[in-house]
Amino acid sequence: MRGLDKVNGQTVDVELPKGGRGAVFGLDVALADCRYPADNPTGDAYAYLTIREEAKTEIWFDGWMIASAPALSALDHSRYDVWVLRCITS
């Protein structure tokens, strides 16, 4: 996935294993599942994410994100943006 800090324009790419979690700037991102078309593993990715600010309980996003349509189901945060790039098959 990729994260964007809207204030300074900095981006970061983060790889998370299914069931894992990690930090993307000031956000805690948990990846529950990542799916892709069986006939095209490098194709469109669908990831179920739960995103909250680090050390806080308020959830900013909880649901599926689609790599080819990040605006369809997007994180609504004033400073940060996170979107799915692909699922890793190995």
N, C-alpha and C. Protein backbone atom coordinates (compact mmCIF):
# COMPACT_ATOMS: atom_id res chain seq x y z
N MET A 1 0.84 -1.17 0.00
CA MET A 1 0.00 0.00 0.00
C MET A 1 0.88 1.23 0.00
N ARG A 2 0.30 2.36 -0.26
CA ARG A 2 1.05 3.62 -0.30
C ARG A 2 0.36 4.62 0.63
N GLY A 3 1.17 5.39 1.34
CA GLY A 3 0.67 6.44 2.20
C GLY A 3 1.16 7.80 1.71
N LEU A 4 0.35 8.81 1.94
CA LEU A 4 0.69 10.17 1.55
C LEU A 4 0.46 11.11 2.73
N ASP A 5 1.46 11.93 3.04
CA ASP A 5 1.30 13.02 4.00
C ASP A 5 0.93 14.25 3.18
N LYS A 6 -0.31 14.68 3.28
CA LYS A 6 -0.81 15.78 2.44
C LYS A 6 -0.16 17.12 2.77
N VAL A 7 0.41 17.27 3.97
CA VAL A 7 1.01 18.54 4.37
C VAL A 7 2.33 18.78 3.65
N ASN A 8 3.20 17.75 3.62
CA ASN A 8 4.52 17.95 3.00
C ASN A 8 4.71 17.18 1.70
N GLY A 9 3.71 16.44 1.27
CA GLY A 9 3.78 15.72 0.00
C GLY A 9 4.62 14.46 0.02
N GLN A 10 5.06 14.03 1.19
CA GLN A 10 5.89 12.83 1.32
C GLN A 10 5.04 11.58 1.14
N THR A 11 5.58 10.59 0.39
CA THR A 11 4.91 9.31 0.23
C THR A 11 5.78 8.20 0.79
N VAL A 12 5.14 7.10 1.15
CA VAL A 12 5.85 5.93 1.65
C VAL A 12 5.08 4.69 1.19
N ASP A 13 5.82 3.67 0.75
CA ASP A 13 5.22 2.39 0.40
C ASP A 13 5.46 1.41 1.54
N VAL A 14 4.42 0.65 1.91
CA VAL A 14 4.49 -0.28 3.03
C VAL A 14 3.93 -1.62 2.59
N GLU A 15 4.63 -2.69 2.92
CA GLU A 15 4.15 -4.04 2.67
C GLU A 15 3.69 -4.64 4.00
N LEU A 16 2.47 -5.16 4.01
CA LEU A 16 1.93 -5.79 5.20
C LEU A 16 1.50 -7.21 4.86
N PRO A 17 1.79 -8.17 5.73
CA PRO A 17 1.28 -9.53 5.50
C PRO A 17 -0.20 -9.58 5.89
N LYS A 18 -0.91 -10.53 5.30
CA LYS A 18 -2.31 -10.72 5.66
C LYS A 18 -2.39 -11.00 7.15
N GLY A 19 -3.23 -10.28 7.85
CA GLY A 19 -3.35 -10.41 9.30
C GLY A 19 -2.37 -9.54 10.07
N GLY A 20 -1.53 -8.79 9.36
CA GLY A 20 -0.52 -7.95 10.00
C GLY A 20 -0.96 -6.51 10.15
N ARG A 21 -0.09 -5.75 10.79
CA ARG A 21 -0.35 -4.32 10.97
C ARG A 21 0.96 -3.58 10.91
N GLY A 22 0.87 -2.29 10.62
CA GLY A 22 2.07 -1.48 10.52
C GLY A 22 1.74 -0.01 10.59
N ALA A 23 2.76 0.80 10.69
CA ALA A 23 2.60 2.25 10.78
C ALA A 23 2.79 2.87 9.40
N VAL A 24 1.90 3.77 9.06
CA VAL A 24 2.00 4.59 7.85
C VAL A 24 1.88 6.02 8.33
N PHE A 25 3.03 6.68 8.45
CA PHE A 25 3.10 8.01 9.07
C PHE A 25 2.49 7.92 10.46
N GLY A 26 1.48 8.67 10.79
CA GLY A 26 0.88 8.66 12.12
C GLY A 26 -0.31 7.75 12.25
N LEU A 27 -0.47 6.83 11.31
CA LEU A 27 -1.62 5.92 11.31
C LEU A 27 -1.20 4.49 11.58
N ASP A 28 -2.06 3.76 12.28
CA ASP A 28 -1.88 2.33 12.51
C ASP A 28 -2.80 1.62 11.52
N VAL A 29 -2.22 0.84 10.61
CA VAL A 29 -2.99 0.17 9.56
C VAL A 29 -2.95 -1.33 9.79
N ALA A 30 -4.12 -1.96 9.84
CA ALA A 30 -4.23 -3.41 10.01
C ALA A 30 -4.83 -3.99 8.74
N LEU A 31 -4.17 -4.99 8.16
CA LEU A 31 -4.63 -5.66 6.95
C LEU A 31 -5.24 -7.00 7.33
N ALA A 32 -6.56 -7.10 7.26
CA ALA A 32 -7.23 -8.34 7.62
C ALA A 32 -7.20 -9.34 6.47
N ASP A 33 -7.35 -8.86 5.23
CA ASP A 33 -7.39 -9.75 4.08
C ASP A 33 -6.99 -8.99 2.83
N CYS A 34 -6.43 -9.68 1.86
CA CYS A 34 -6.10 -9.10 0.56
C CYS A 34 -6.43 -10.13 -0.49
N ARG A 35 -7.29 -9.77 -1.44
CA ARG A 35 -7.74 -10.70 -2.47
C ARG A 35 -7.47 -10.12 -3.85
N TYR A 36 -7.40 -10.99 -4.82
CA TYR A 36 -7.15 -10.60 -6.20
C TYR A 36 -7.79 -11.65 -7.10
N PRO A 37 -8.04 -11.32 -8.37
CA PRO A 37 -8.62 -12.31 -9.28
C PRO A 37 -7.68 -13.51 -9.46
N ALA A 38 -8.20 -14.71 -9.33
CA ALA A 38 -7.39 -15.92 -9.42
C ALA A 38 -6.70 -16.06 -10.78
N ASP A 39 -7.34 -15.61 -11.83
CA ASP A 39 -6.75 -15.74 -13.16
C ASP A 39 -5.75 -14.62 -13.47
N ASN A 40 -5.64 -13.64 -12.58
CA ASN A 40 -4.72 -12.51 -12.81
C ASN A 40 -4.19 -12.01 -11.47
N PRO A 41 -3.22 -12.72 -10.85
CA PRO A 41 -2.73 -12.31 -9.53
C PRO A 41 -2.07 -10.95 -9.49
N THR A 42 -1.61 -10.45 -10.62
CA THR A 42 -1.01 -9.11 -10.63
C THR A 42 -2.07 -8.05 -10.93
N GLY A 43 -3.31 -8.48 -11.07
CA GLY A 43 -4.40 -7.55 -11.39
C GLY A 43 -4.92 -6.83 -10.17
N ASP A 44 -6.16 -6.49 -10.23
CA ASP A 44 -6.79 -5.66 -9.21
C ASP A 44 -6.75 -6.29 -7.82
N ALA A 45 -6.42 -5.49 -6.81
CA ALA A 45 -6.36 -5.96 -5.43
C ALA A 45 -7.53 -5.39 -4.64
N TYR A 46 -8.05 -6.20 -3.73
CA TYR A 46 -9.10 -5.81 -2.81
C TYR A 46 -8.57 -6.09 -1.41
N ALA A 47 -8.44 -5.06 -0.60
CA ALA A 47 -7.87 -5.24 0.74
C ALA A 47 -8.84 -4.74 1.81
N TYR A 48 -9.00 -5.56 2.85
CA TYR A 48 -9.83 -5.15 3.99
C TYR A 48 -8.91 -4.53 5.04
N LEU A 49 -9.08 -3.24 5.27
CA LEU A 49 -8.21 -2.48 6.16
C LEU A 49 -8.98 -1.88 7.33
N THR A 50 -8.29 -1.80 8.46
CA THR A 50 -8.77 -1.01 9.60
C THR A 50 -7.67 -0.01 9.90
N ILE A 51 -8.03 1.28 9.87
CA ILE A 51 -7.04 2.35 10.04
C ILE A 51 -7.46 3.25 11.19
N ARG A 52 -6.52 3.50 12.09
CA ARG A 52 -6.76 4.44 13.20
C ARG A 52 -5.48 5.23 13.44
N GLU A 53 -5.60 6.34 14.14
CA GLU A 53 -4.40 7.09 14.50
C GLU A 53 -3.67 6.31 15.59
N GLU A 54 -2.35 6.35 15.55
CA GLU A 54 -1.56 5.63 16.54
C GLU A 54 -1.92 6.09 17.94
N ALA A 55 -2.00 5.15 18.87
CA ALA A 55 -2.28 5.39 20.29
C ALA A 55 -3.66 5.96 20.54
N LYS A 56 -4.59 5.82 19.59
CA LYS A 56 -5.97 6.27 19.79
C LYS A 56 -6.91 5.14 19.40
N THR A 57 -8.13 5.18 19.92
CA THR A 57 -9.09 4.11 19.65
C THR A 57 -10.05 4.44 18.51
N GLU A 58 -10.17 5.70 18.14
CA GLU A 58 -11.10 6.09 17.08
C GLU A 58 -10.67 5.49 15.74
N ILE A 59 -11.59 4.81 15.09
CA ILE A 59 -11.32 4.19 13.79
C ILE A 59 -11.66 5.18 12.69
N TRP A 60 -10.67 5.43 11.81
CA TRP A 60 -10.86 6.36 10.69
C TRP A 60 -11.36 5.64 9.45
N PHE A 61 -11.03 4.37 9.32
CA PHE A 61 -11.49 3.60 8.17
C PHE A 61 -11.58 2.14 8.56
N ASP A 62 -12.65 1.47 8.13
CA ASP A 62 -12.81 0.04 8.37
C ASP A 62 -13.63 -0.51 7.22
N GLY A 63 -12.96 -1.18 6.29
CA GLY A 63 -13.66 -1.73 5.14
C GLY A 63 -12.73 -2.12 4.02
N TRP A 64 -13.32 -2.42 2.87
CA TRP A 64 -12.57 -2.84 1.69
C TRP A 64 -12.10 -1.64 0.90
N MET A 65 -10.84 -1.67 0.46
CA MET A 65 -10.31 -0.70 -0.49
C MET A 65 -9.98 -1.46 -1.76
N ILE A 66 -10.20 -0.82 -2.90
CA ILE A 66 -9.95 -1.44 -4.19
C ILE A 66 -8.83 -0.67 -4.89
N ALA A 67 -7.81 -1.40 -5.33
CA ALA A 67 -6.63 -0.75 -5.91
C ALA A 67 -6.97 0.08 -7.14
N SER A 68 -7.85 -0.42 -8.00
CA SER A 68 -8.15 0.29 -9.24
C SER A 68 -9.11 1.45 -9.06
N ALA A 69 -9.76 1.54 -7.90
CA ALA A 69 -10.72 2.61 -7.64
C ALA A 69 -10.58 3.10 -6.20
N PRO A 70 -9.45 3.73 -5.85
CA PRO A 70 -9.23 4.12 -4.45
C PRO A 70 -10.25 5.13 -3.93
N ALA A 71 -10.85 5.93 -4.79
CA ALA A 71 -11.83 6.92 -4.33
C ALA A 71 -13.19 6.30 -4.03
N LEU A 72 -13.43 5.08 -4.49
CA LEU A 72 -14.71 4.42 -4.26
C LEU A 72 -14.95 4.16 -2.78
N SER A 73 -13.91 3.77 -2.08
CA SER A 73 -13.98 3.52 -0.64
C SER A 73 -12.66 4.03 -0.06
N ALA A 74 -12.66 5.28 0.37
CA ALA A 74 -11.40 5.95 0.73
C ALA A 74 -11.33 6.34 2.20
N LEU A 75 -10.12 6.46 2.67
CA LEU A 75 -9.84 7.00 4.00
C LEU A 75 -10.17 8.49 3.99
N ASP A 76 -10.94 8.95 4.97
CA ASP A 76 -11.29 10.36 5.07
C ASP A 76 -10.54 10.97 6.25
N HIS A 77 -9.31 11.39 6.01
CA HIS A 77 -8.46 11.96 7.05
C HIS A 77 -7.93 13.29 6.55
N SER A 78 -7.84 14.27 7.42
CA SER A 78 -7.44 15.62 7.00
C SER A 78 -5.97 15.70 6.59
N ARG A 79 -5.10 14.86 7.14
CA ARG A 79 -3.68 14.97 6.83
C ARG A 79 -3.13 13.83 5.98
N TYR A 80 -3.62 12.61 6.21
CA TYR A 80 -3.02 11.44 5.57
C TYR A 80 -3.98 10.79 4.58
N ASP A 81 -3.39 10.12 3.61
CA ASP A 81 -4.14 9.30 2.66
C ASP A 81 -3.43 7.97 2.55
N VAL A 82 -4.18 6.90 2.44
CA VAL A 82 -3.65 5.56 2.29
C VAL A 82 -4.45 4.86 1.20
N TRP A 83 -3.74 4.16 0.29
CA TRP A 83 -4.47 3.38 -0.70
C TRP A 83 -3.70 2.11 -1.02
N VAL A 84 -4.43 1.15 -1.57
CA VAL A 84 -3.90 -0.19 -1.88
C VAL A 84 -3.27 -0.16 -3.26
N LEU A 85 -2.11 -0.79 -3.39
CA LEU A 85 -1.45 -0.93 -4.69
C LEU A 85 -1.64 -2.32 -5.28
N ARG A 86 -1.41 -3.37 -4.46
CA ARG A 86 -1.49 -4.74 -4.95
C ARG A 86 -1.45 -5.71 -3.77
N CYS A 87 -1.74 -6.97 -4.05
CA CYS A 87 -1.54 -8.05 -3.08
C CYS A 87 -0.27 -8.77 -3.48
N ILE A 88 0.47 -9.20 -2.51
CA ILE A 88 1.69 -9.98 -2.75
C ILE A 88 1.31 -11.45 -2.68
N THR A 89 1.63 -12.19 -3.73
CA THR A 89 1.17 -13.58 -3.82
C THR A 89 2.13 -14.58 -3.23
N SER A 90 3.38 -14.21 -3.00
CA SER A 90 4.33 -15.20 -2.48
C SER A 90 4.49 -15.09 -0.99
